[in-house]
Amino acid sequence: MSDGRHVLIVEARFYEDIADQLVTGATAVLSESGVESKRLSVPGVFEIPAAIRFAARAMDTEKQSERYDGFLALGCVIRGETDHYDHICREASHALMRLAVDHSLALGFGVLTCASYEQARVRAAVDEKNKGAEAAFACLRMMELRQTFLPTPI
């Protein structure tokens, strides 16, 4: 049963099986906490910050009837042969932090940055490290803190 809180899960689908495990772990935590969630898929981790900003900005207009109390960024970047990995990890992480800080968003960071596919699989799997659940717990805690200090809607 929902308690009226809503979280937007923005998931990078580049590694679909990893994304599915992250979402499974996250949605279990949100459901158990009485929080409704909506999923929004984007192609890769680089696109997550823009999607969250679009949703947050839409809440500032009358065009958006849905309001989100929190956001979850879920995805995976795996090191390859070039420095592309370094750029994506750094810039996406920085953009997500700026969104959270500059716009007072309750944000759970569930972007895996791994050296190998196997490392990512273990971190995402709900029966192993379950990083999706950890990101959901972080989002819930930040929602509580936001409500404590900024009780009016975004």
N, C-alpha and C. Protein backbone atom coordinates (compact mmCIF):
# COMPACT_ATOMS: atom_id res chain seq x y z
N MET A 1 0.83 -1.18 0.00
CA MET A 1 0.00 0.00 0.00
C MET A 1 0.89 1.25 0.00
N SER A 2 0.54 2.22 -0.83
CA SER A 2 1.33 3.43 -0.98
C SER A 2 1.04 4.43 0.13
N ASP A 3 2.07 5.13 0.53
CA ASP A 3 1.89 6.18 1.54
C ASP A 3 1.86 7.56 0.90
N GLY A 4 1.77 7.62 -0.42
CA GLY A 4 1.67 8.88 -1.14
C GLY A 4 3.00 9.42 -1.66
N ARG A 5 4.11 8.80 -1.29
CA ARG A 5 5.40 9.24 -1.80
C ARG A 5 5.67 8.56 -3.14
N HIS A 6 6.37 9.28 -4.01
CA HIS A 6 6.68 8.79 -5.35
C HIS A 6 8.16 8.99 -5.66
N VAL A 7 8.74 7.98 -6.30
CA VAL A 7 10.13 8.04 -6.74
C VAL A 7 10.18 7.74 -8.23
N LEU A 8 10.95 8.54 -8.94
CA LEU A 8 11.20 8.27 -10.35
C LEU A 8 12.53 7.52 -10.45
N ILE A 9 12.47 6.33 -11.03
CA ILE A 9 13.67 5.53 -11.26
C ILE A 9 14.10 5.76 -12.70
N VAL A 10 15.27 6.35 -12.87
CA VAL A 10 15.81 6.54 -14.21
C VAL A 10 16.91 5.50 -14.39
N GLU A 11 16.67 4.60 -15.34
CA GLU A 11 17.56 3.46 -15.52
C GLU A 11 18.21 3.47 -16.90
N ALA A 12 19.52 3.34 -16.90
CA ALA A 12 20.27 3.23 -18.15
C ALA A 12 20.16 1.79 -18.63
N ARG A 13 19.74 1.59 -19.86
CA ARG A 13 19.47 0.25 -20.37
C ARG A 13 20.61 -0.33 -21.21
N PHE A 14 21.78 0.29 -21.20
CA PHE A 14 22.88 -0.20 -22.03
C PHE A 14 23.22 -1.65 -21.70
N TYR A 15 23.29 -1.97 -20.43
CA TYR A 15 23.48 -3.36 -19.97
C TYR A 15 22.14 -3.78 -19.35
N GLU A 16 21.26 -4.29 -20.17
CA GLU A 16 19.88 -4.55 -19.75
C GLU A 16 19.76 -5.50 -18.57
N ASP A 17 20.53 -6.57 -18.56
CA ASP A 17 20.42 -7.53 -17.46
C ASP A 17 20.89 -6.93 -16.15
N ILE A 18 21.91 -6.10 -16.20
CA ILE A 18 22.40 -5.41 -15.00
C ILE A 18 21.33 -4.42 -14.53
N ALA A 19 20.78 -3.66 -15.46
CA ALA A 19 19.73 -2.69 -15.12
C ALA A 19 18.53 -3.39 -14.48
N ASP A 20 18.14 -4.53 -15.02
CA ASP A 20 16.99 -5.25 -14.47
C ASP A 20 17.24 -5.67 -13.02
N GLN A 21 18.43 -6.13 -12.72
CA GLN A 21 18.75 -6.52 -11.35
C GLN A 21 18.76 -5.30 -10.42
N LEU A 22 19.34 -4.20 -10.87
CA LEU A 22 19.34 -2.98 -10.06
C LEU A 22 17.91 -2.52 -9.76
N VAL A 23 17.06 -2.55 -10.77
CA VAL A 23 15.67 -2.11 -10.59
C VAL A 23 14.92 -3.08 -9.67
N THR A 24 15.16 -4.36 -9.82
CA THR A 24 14.49 -5.34 -8.96
C THR A 24 14.83 -5.09 -7.49
N GLY A 25 16.11 -4.88 -7.21
CA GLY A 25 16.51 -4.60 -5.84
C GLY A 25 15.93 -3.30 -5.31
N ALA A 26 15.93 -2.28 -6.14
CA ALA A 26 15.42 -0.97 -5.73
C ALA A 26 13.91 -0.99 -5.50
N THR A 27 13.17 -1.57 -6.43
CA THR A 27 11.71 -1.55 -6.31
C THR A 27 11.23 -2.37 -5.12
N ALA A 28 11.96 -3.41 -4.77
CA ALA A 28 11.57 -4.19 -3.58
C ALA A 28 11.65 -3.31 -2.33
N VAL A 29 12.72 -2.55 -2.20
CA VAL A 29 12.88 -1.66 -1.04
C VAL A 29 11.80 -0.58 -1.04
N LEU A 30 11.56 0.02 -2.19
CA LEU A 30 10.55 1.08 -2.26
C LEU A 30 9.17 0.55 -1.92
N SER A 31 8.82 -0.60 -2.49
CA SER A 31 7.51 -1.20 -2.22
C SER A 31 7.34 -1.52 -0.74
N GLU A 32 8.37 -2.12 -0.14
CA GLU A 32 8.31 -2.46 1.28
C GLU A 32 8.16 -1.21 2.15
N SER A 33 8.62 -0.08 1.64
CA SER A 33 8.53 1.19 2.38
C SER A 33 7.26 1.95 2.06
N GLY A 34 6.40 1.40 1.22
CA GLY A 34 5.15 2.06 0.87
C GLY A 34 5.29 3.18 -0.13
N VAL A 35 6.39 3.18 -0.90
CA VAL A 35 6.66 4.24 -1.86
C VAL A 35 6.37 3.73 -3.27
N GLU A 36 5.59 4.49 -4.01
CA GLU A 36 5.31 4.15 -5.41
C GLU A 36 6.49 4.57 -6.27
N SER A 37 6.71 3.83 -7.34
CA SER A 37 7.80 4.19 -8.24
C SER A 37 7.34 4.12 -9.69
N LYS A 38 7.99 4.93 -10.48
CA LYS A 38 7.77 4.93 -11.93
C LYS A 38 9.13 4.76 -12.57
N ARG A 39 9.18 3.92 -13.61
CA ARG A 39 10.44 3.68 -14.31
C ARG A 39 10.50 4.49 -15.59
N LEU A 40 11.69 5.02 -15.83
CA LEU A 40 11.96 5.75 -17.07
C LEU A 40 13.29 5.24 -17.58
N SER A 41 13.31 4.73 -18.79
CA SER A 41 14.56 4.19 -19.32
C SER A 41 15.22 5.20 -20.25
N VAL A 42 16.55 5.19 -20.19
CA VAL A 42 17.38 6.01 -21.07
C VAL A 42 18.44 5.08 -21.66
N PRO A 43 19.05 5.48 -22.77
CA PRO A 43 20.01 4.57 -23.42
C PRO A 43 21.22 4.21 -22.57
N GLY A 44 21.81 5.18 -21.89
CA GLY A 44 23.02 4.90 -21.13
C GLY A 44 23.14 5.83 -19.93
N VAL A 45 24.21 5.67 -19.18
CA VAL A 45 24.42 6.44 -17.96
C VAL A 45 24.54 7.93 -18.25
N PHE A 46 25.14 8.29 -19.37
CA PHE A 46 25.32 9.69 -19.70
C PHE A 46 23.99 10.44 -19.76
N GLU A 47 22.92 9.76 -20.13
CA GLU A 47 21.62 10.40 -20.29
C GLU A 47 20.82 10.52 -19.00
N ILE A 48 21.23 9.85 -17.94
CA ILE A 48 20.47 9.86 -16.69
C ILE A 48 20.30 11.27 -16.11
N PRO A 49 21.36 12.07 -15.97
CA PRO A 49 21.16 13.40 -15.37
C PRO A 49 20.17 14.28 -16.13
N ALA A 50 20.23 14.26 -17.43
CA ALA A 50 19.31 15.09 -18.22
C ALA A 50 17.87 14.64 -18.00
N ALA A 51 17.63 13.34 -17.97
CA ALA A 51 16.27 12.83 -17.76
C ALA A 51 15.74 13.25 -16.39
N ILE A 52 16.59 13.18 -15.36
CA ILE A 52 16.16 13.60 -14.02
C ILE A 52 15.87 15.10 -14.02
N ARG A 53 16.70 15.87 -14.67
CA ARG A 53 16.48 17.33 -14.73
C ARG A 53 15.20 17.64 -15.48
N PHE A 54 14.92 16.94 -16.58
CA PHE A 54 13.67 17.16 -17.31
C PHE A 54 12.48 16.94 -16.38
N ALA A 55 12.50 15.84 -15.64
CA ALA A 55 11.39 15.51 -14.75
C ALA A 55 11.26 16.53 -13.62
N ALA A 56 12.38 16.93 -13.03
CA ALA A 56 12.35 17.90 -11.94
C ALA A 56 11.86 19.26 -12.45
N ARG A 57 12.33 19.63 -13.61
CA ARG A 57 11.91 20.92 -14.16
C ARG A 57 10.43 20.90 -14.54
N ALA A 58 9.95 19.78 -15.05
CA ALA A 58 8.54 19.66 -15.41
C ALA A 58 7.65 19.83 -14.18
N MET A 59 8.16 19.42 -13.01
CA MET A 59 7.37 19.57 -11.78
C MET A 59 7.17 21.04 -11.44
N ASP A 60 8.05 21.90 -11.94
CA ASP A 60 7.94 23.34 -11.69
C ASP A 60 6.89 24.00 -12.58
N THR A 61 6.38 23.26 -13.54
CA THR A 61 5.38 23.80 -14.46
C THR A 61 4.04 23.13 -14.20
N GLU A 62 3.01 23.70 -14.75
CA GLU A 62 1.68 23.11 -14.59
C GLU A 62 1.47 21.95 -15.56
N LYS A 63 2.44 21.69 -16.44
CA LYS A 63 2.33 20.60 -17.39
C LYS A 63 2.51 19.24 -16.73
N GLN A 64 3.18 19.22 -15.59
CA GLN A 64 3.51 17.95 -14.93
C GLN A 64 2.58 17.75 -13.74
N SER A 65 1.70 16.77 -13.85
CA SER A 65 0.81 16.49 -12.73
C SER A 65 1.47 15.56 -11.72
N GLU A 66 2.41 14.74 -12.19
CA GLU A 66 3.11 13.83 -11.29
C GLU A 66 4.22 14.56 -10.56
N ARG A 67 4.29 14.34 -9.26
CA ARG A 67 5.34 14.93 -8.45
C ARG A 67 6.18 13.80 -7.90
N TYR A 68 7.46 14.01 -7.82
CA TYR A 68 8.37 13.00 -7.30
C TYR A 68 9.04 13.53 -6.04
N ASP A 69 9.03 12.69 -5.04
CA ASP A 69 9.68 13.03 -3.78
C ASP A 69 11.16 12.67 -3.82
N GLY A 70 11.51 11.78 -4.73
CA GLY A 70 12.88 11.35 -4.85
C GLY A 70 13.16 10.78 -6.22
N PHE A 71 14.44 10.61 -6.50
CA PHE A 71 14.90 10.10 -7.79
C PHE A 71 15.95 9.03 -7.55
N LEU A 72 15.93 8.02 -8.38
CA LEU A 72 16.94 6.96 -8.33
C LEU A 72 17.64 6.91 -9.67
N ALA A 73 18.96 6.99 -9.66
CA ALA A 73 19.78 6.87 -10.86
C ALA A 73 20.40 5.48 -10.85
N LEU A 74 20.01 4.65 -11.81
CA LEU A 74 20.50 3.28 -11.87
C LEU A 74 21.12 2.99 -13.23
N GLY A 75 22.28 2.38 -13.22
CA GLY A 75 22.93 2.03 -14.47
C GLY A 75 24.31 1.45 -14.20
N CYS A 76 25.03 1.25 -15.28
CA CYS A 76 26.33 0.60 -15.17
C CYS A 76 27.26 1.07 -16.28
N VAL A 77 28.50 1.33 -15.89
CA VAL A 77 29.56 1.64 -16.84
C VAL A 77 30.67 0.64 -16.58
N ILE A 78 31.12 -0.04 -17.64
CA ILE A 78 32.17 -1.05 -17.50
C ILE A 78 33.39 -0.57 -18.28
N ARG A 79 34.54 -0.64 -17.62
CA ARG A 79 35.78 -0.18 -18.24
C ARG A 79 36.05 -0.94 -19.54
N GLY A 80 36.43 -0.20 -20.54
CA GLY A 80 36.78 -0.79 -21.82
C GLY A 80 38.23 -0.50 -22.18
N GLU A 81 38.52 -0.50 -23.47
CA GLU A 81 39.89 -0.31 -23.93
C GLU A 81 40.29 1.16 -24.06
N THR A 82 39.30 2.07 -24.03
CA THR A 82 39.61 3.49 -24.19
C THR A 82 39.30 4.24 -22.90
N ASP A 83 39.54 5.54 -22.92
CA ASP A 83 39.25 6.35 -21.73
C ASP A 83 37.81 6.85 -21.68
N HIS A 84 36.97 6.37 -22.57
CA HIS A 84 35.55 6.72 -22.58
C HIS A 84 34.92 6.47 -21.20
N TYR A 85 35.25 5.36 -20.58
CA TYR A 85 34.77 4.99 -19.25
C TYR A 85 35.02 6.11 -18.24
N ASP A 86 36.24 6.62 -18.22
CA ASP A 86 36.60 7.66 -17.26
C ASP A 86 35.76 8.91 -17.45
N HIS A 87 35.56 9.30 -18.70
CA HIS A 87 34.78 10.51 -18.98
C HIS A 87 33.32 10.33 -18.56
N ILE A 88 32.72 9.22 -18.92
CA ILE A 88 31.31 8.98 -18.59
C ILE A 88 31.13 8.91 -17.08
N CYS A 89 31.95 8.15 -16.40
CA CYS A 89 31.83 8.03 -14.93
C CYS A 89 31.95 9.38 -14.26
N ARG A 90 32.97 10.12 -14.61
CA ARG A 90 33.23 11.41 -13.97
C ARG A 90 32.09 12.40 -14.26
N GLU A 91 31.75 12.55 -15.51
CA GLU A 91 30.77 13.58 -15.87
C GLU A 91 29.36 13.23 -15.40
N ALA A 92 28.96 11.98 -15.51
CA ALA A 92 27.63 11.59 -15.05
C ALA A 92 27.53 11.74 -13.53
N SER A 93 28.55 11.32 -12.82
CA SER A 93 28.56 11.45 -11.35
C SER A 93 28.51 12.91 -10.95
N HIS A 94 29.30 13.72 -11.61
CA HIS A 94 29.32 15.15 -11.30
C HIS A 94 27.97 15.78 -11.59
N ALA A 95 27.38 15.46 -12.71
CA ALA A 95 26.08 16.03 -13.07
C ALA A 95 25.00 15.62 -12.06
N LEU A 96 25.02 14.37 -11.63
CA LEU A 96 24.04 13.91 -10.65
C LEU A 96 24.23 14.63 -9.31
N MET A 97 25.45 14.80 -8.89
CA MET A 97 25.72 15.52 -7.64
C MET A 97 25.24 16.96 -7.75
N ARG A 98 25.52 17.60 -8.87
CA ARG A 98 25.08 18.99 -9.06
C ARG A 98 23.56 19.08 -9.01
N LEU A 99 22.87 18.13 -9.63
CA LEU A 99 21.41 18.14 -9.58
C LEU A 99 20.91 18.05 -8.14
N ALA A 100 21.47 17.11 -7.39
CA ALA A 100 21.03 16.91 -6.01
C ALA A 100 21.29 18.16 -5.17
N VAL A 101 22.47 18.73 -5.31
CA VAL A 101 22.84 19.88 -4.49
C VAL A 101 22.16 21.16 -4.97
N ASP A 102 22.24 21.46 -6.25
CA ASP A 102 21.72 22.72 -6.78
C ASP A 102 20.20 22.80 -6.76
N HIS A 103 19.52 21.65 -6.85
CA HIS A 103 18.06 21.66 -6.94
C HIS A 103 17.40 20.98 -5.75
N SER A 104 18.18 20.67 -4.73
CA SER A 104 17.66 20.05 -3.50
C SER A 104 16.84 18.80 -3.80
N LEU A 105 17.39 17.94 -4.64
CA LEU A 105 16.69 16.70 -5.00
C LEU A 105 17.17 15.57 -4.09
N ALA A 106 16.23 14.76 -3.64
CA ALA A 106 16.57 13.54 -2.91
C ALA A 106 16.93 12.51 -3.98
N LEU A 107 18.20 12.13 -4.02
CA LEU A 107 18.69 11.30 -5.10
C LEU A 107 19.45 10.10 -4.55
N GLY A 108 19.08 8.92 -5.03
CA GLY A 108 19.82 7.71 -4.72
C GLY A 108 20.73 7.38 -5.89
N PHE A 109 22.01 7.23 -5.62
CA PHE A 109 23.01 7.00 -6.67
C PHE A 109 23.28 5.50 -6.78
N GLY A 110 22.81 4.90 -7.85
CA GLY A 110 23.00 3.47 -8.08
C GLY A 110 23.65 3.21 -9.43
N VAL A 111 24.66 4.01 -9.75
CA VAL A 111 25.40 3.83 -11.00
C VAL A 111 26.66 3.04 -10.67
N LEU A 112 26.74 1.84 -11.19
CA LEU A 112 27.89 0.99 -10.97
C LEU A 112 29.01 1.40 -11.92
N THR A 113 30.21 1.50 -11.42
CA THR A 113 31.39 1.79 -12.24
C THR A 113 32.37 0.64 -12.00
N CYS A 114 32.41 -0.27 -12.94
CA CYS A 114 33.10 -1.55 -12.71
C CYS A 114 34.20 -1.82 -13.72
N ALA A 115 35.15 -2.63 -13.29
CA ALA A 115 36.27 -3.01 -14.14
C ALA A 115 35.90 -4.11 -15.12
N SER A 116 34.86 -4.90 -14.79
CA SER A 116 34.48 -6.01 -15.66
C SER A 116 32.98 -6.28 -15.56
N TYR A 117 32.49 -7.02 -16.54
CA TYR A 117 31.09 -7.40 -16.53
C TYR A 117 30.78 -8.24 -15.30
N GLU A 118 31.64 -9.17 -14.94
CA GLU A 118 31.40 -10.04 -13.79
C GLU A 118 31.31 -9.21 -12.50
N GLN A 119 32.15 -8.24 -12.35
CA GLN A 119 32.10 -7.36 -11.19
C GLN A 119 30.75 -6.63 -11.14
N ALA A 120 30.28 -6.16 -12.27
CA ALA A 120 28.98 -5.47 -12.34
C ALA A 120 27.85 -6.43 -12.00
N ARG A 121 27.92 -7.64 -12.53
CA ARG A 121 26.86 -8.62 -12.28
C ARG A 121 26.73 -8.91 -10.78
N VAL A 122 27.85 -9.10 -10.10
CA VAL A 122 27.84 -9.40 -8.67
C VAL A 122 27.27 -8.21 -7.89
N ARG A 123 27.64 -6.99 -8.25
CA ARG A 123 27.16 -5.82 -7.53
C ARG A 123 25.68 -5.57 -7.76
N ALA A 124 25.18 -5.91 -8.91
CA ALA A 124 23.77 -5.67 -9.22
C ALA A 124 22.85 -6.78 -8.70
N ALA A 125 23.32 -8.00 -8.67
CA ALA A 125 22.46 -9.15 -8.34
C ALA A 125 21.79 -8.99 -6.98
N VAL A 126 20.48 -9.22 -6.95
CA VAL A 126 19.72 -9.06 -5.71
C VAL A 126 20.12 -10.09 -4.66
N ASP A 127 20.68 -11.21 -5.09
CA ASP A 127 21.11 -12.24 -4.14
C ASP A 127 22.60 -12.14 -3.81
N GLU A 128 23.23 -11.05 -4.25
CA GLU A 128 24.64 -10.84 -3.93
C GLU A 128 24.80 -9.45 -3.29
N LYS A 129 25.41 -8.49 -3.97
CA LYS A 129 25.67 -7.18 -3.34
C LYS A 129 24.44 -6.26 -3.32
N ASN A 130 23.52 -6.44 -4.26
CA ASN A 130 22.22 -5.73 -4.30
C ASN A 130 22.37 -4.21 -4.17
N LYS A 131 23.16 -3.64 -5.06
CA LYS A 131 23.41 -2.20 -5.04
C LYS A 131 22.17 -1.38 -5.39
N GLY A 132 21.21 -1.97 -6.10
CA GLY A 132 19.95 -1.27 -6.37
C GLY A 132 19.20 -1.00 -5.08
N ALA A 133 19.19 -1.99 -4.18
CA ALA A 133 18.54 -1.80 -2.88
C ALA A 133 19.26 -0.73 -2.08
N GLU A 134 20.59 -0.75 -2.09
CA GLU A 134 21.35 0.27 -1.35
C GLU A 134 21.02 1.67 -1.85
N ALA A 135 20.91 1.83 -3.16
CA ALA A 135 20.58 3.14 -3.72
C ALA A 135 19.17 3.56 -3.31
N ALA A 136 18.25 2.61 -3.25
CA ALA A 136 16.88 2.93 -2.83
C ALA A 136 16.85 3.36 -1.36
N PHE A 137 17.60 2.67 -0.50
CA PHE A 137 17.68 3.07 0.91
C PHE A 137 18.25 4.49 1.02
N ALA A 138 19.27 4.79 0.24
CA ALA A 138 19.86 6.13 0.26
C ALA A 138 18.84 7.18 -0.18
N CYS A 139 18.08 6.86 -1.22
CA CYS A 139 17.05 7.79 -1.71
C CYS A 139 16.00 8.03 -0.63
N LEU A 140 15.55 6.97 0.02
CA LEU A 140 14.55 7.12 1.08
C LEU A 140 15.08 8.00 2.22
N ARG A 141 16.32 7.81 2.60
CA ARG A 141 16.91 8.61 3.66
C ARG A 141 17.01 10.08 3.26
N MET A 142 17.39 10.32 2.01
CA MET A 142 17.48 11.70 1.54
C MET A 142 16.10 12.33 1.44
N MET A 143 15.08 11.54 1.11
CA MET A 143 13.71 12.06 1.11
C MET A 143 13.31 12.49 2.52
N GLU A 144 13.67 11.69 3.51
CA GLU A 144 13.38 12.05 4.92
C GLU A 144 14.08 13.35 5.30
N LEU A 145 15.36 13.45 4.95
CA LEU A 145 16.11 14.66 5.28
C LEU A 145 15.55 15.88 4.58
N ARG A 146 15.21 15.72 3.33
CA ARG A 146 14.63 16.84 2.58
C ARG A 146 13.34 17.29 3.24
N GLN A 147 12.51 16.35 3.61
CA GLN A 147 11.23 16.69 4.26
C GLN A 147 11.47 17.39 5.61
N THR A 148 12.50 16.99 6.31
CA THR A 148 12.83 17.63 7.59
C THR A 148 13.23 19.09 7.41
N PHE A 149 14.07 19.34 6.43
CA PHE A 149 14.61 20.69 6.25
C PHE A 149 13.83 21.55 5.27
N LEU A 150 13.18 20.94 4.30
CA LEU A 150 12.44 21.67 3.26
C LEU A 150 11.06 21.04 3.10
N PRO A 151 10.16 21.25 4.05
CA PRO A 151 8.89 20.52 4.03
C PRO A 151 7.93 20.89 2.89
N THR A 152 8.21 21.95 2.15
CA THR A 152 7.33 22.30 1.04
C THR A 152 7.78 21.58 -0.21
N PRO A 153 6.86 21.26 -1.12
CA PRO A 153 7.23 20.55 -2.35
C PRO A 153 8.23 21.34 -3.19
N ILE A 154 8.94 20.61 -4.04
CA ILE A 154 9.93 21.22 -4.94
C ILE A 154 9.21 22.19 -5.86
